[in-house]
């Protein structure tokens, strides 16, 4: 069994082929971090790219024999540091497992490997009249394995749910090197513990996902889009509450605050909702019911916005206009990048508390001197306050981290949670402990020890074993 670094490298090369093992620091450094700038990161001992479940199992077995931890990684689009390297650990990059193994139209499911890009699965099933619903903002380059590991969400969560709602079953390599199969291909199934939901969102701390069976939906109809502008955050929040109370379930309902709107307008050189003073917030809604029902749903949403005091409302059936409005929402992060280093928070609150959270973020911004732009999924209360700061200024960095932590505390104080879809990673361990309490944390540790007794998988992500 491998007992030295040289032996381990030889075992890894035997497992996946020498061309898929990197130890040069100039190469491995590229795999040290995800998209969260402040999350701690180490230096990988090696970067390995397996091409099959058997190769993943061989890598795990070799690392276990050498007592070397493993950090699973996809495309690196995460925003919590969950895929960040650990000093002396082997980073296992899953992007070579990139095949769609099966599309079963009759049962509306797909079997995929974790390296498949989210958008590629969508494109593959669309000609068959099918739809994969989870759509993170990075859907054009994030991988399904990362989506599964963090239980990613997206713009369509309000109607279709997050990643776990689309997962029927998994194939997972455990710390023992054994391969576990969870779930089923049937619509219903309650045999035993729900190990599928346990693994989804576990951030690679319990095993490495090598295959997933995903449920698909009928392809939605062409959307009808609504945009509304508000003179106050309170009015925008009231509109969301009215829509929920009215029983509306649009395919998406997004909110942008004034800072987000100004950033997008500076980035694109075009007005988001027409000339004049920047509104305090805008709501963008869509219905994918098709034709008359979609138009009726958006007109009901428009009425809710008007009753809440919207200064401007507009409903369009034009697909190009709808795409343009939605693109403004997707452009928020690229626009904020031009203003400085950015760090996105991920706090979910009751939908009736959206306005209070955004107002709280404005207060935190004033206190810390850090720009905080808020954009999010108003339909489910998942907000993404984004701190923008001068990354070369040590003082600004400390104040940005203070703002980040205070936003999480504000969300919990409003009855919310520290993460709706990005995960805990290496940024929020202390906040997880506050949210779930000592009994909850002990239960997490017990599960971790049961499946990974030596702490092999992704040490330091989510919580510590001590």
Foldseek 3Di string as FASTA:
>chain_A
DDADLVSLLVQLCVLANNVFKDQPQVVQVVQAAAQFVPFDTDTANIEGEHQALSSVLSNLQSCVVHVAFEAEDEQRHFFARLRGHDPRHYYYYHLNQADFPDQDLVLQKTKGFFNHQQVVVQVVCVVVQKGDQFDALVSVHTTNQLCQQQQFHHFQCLAQNTQLSFFAWFWWQFSNSDIDIFGDSDPDDDPDDRVSVVRGRNSFLQTGTTMTMTGIGGHFAQKKKKKFFAQALLLVLQLLVLCVVVVARASGKKKWAQVLQVLLCVVVVDHLADDDDRHRMMIMTMHRNDDPVRQVSVVVSQVSSVVSPTPDMDMGSDNVNSVSNVVSLSCRVVSLVVVARKRKFKKFAQLSCLSVLVVVLVVLCVVLVWDWIWMDGSSGRIIITMTGFHPVDPSRVVSSLVSRVVSQVSRVVRVIHRHDGSHNFQNCQVVLCVVLDDVSVVVVLVSSCVRPVSSRTSARTNYHND
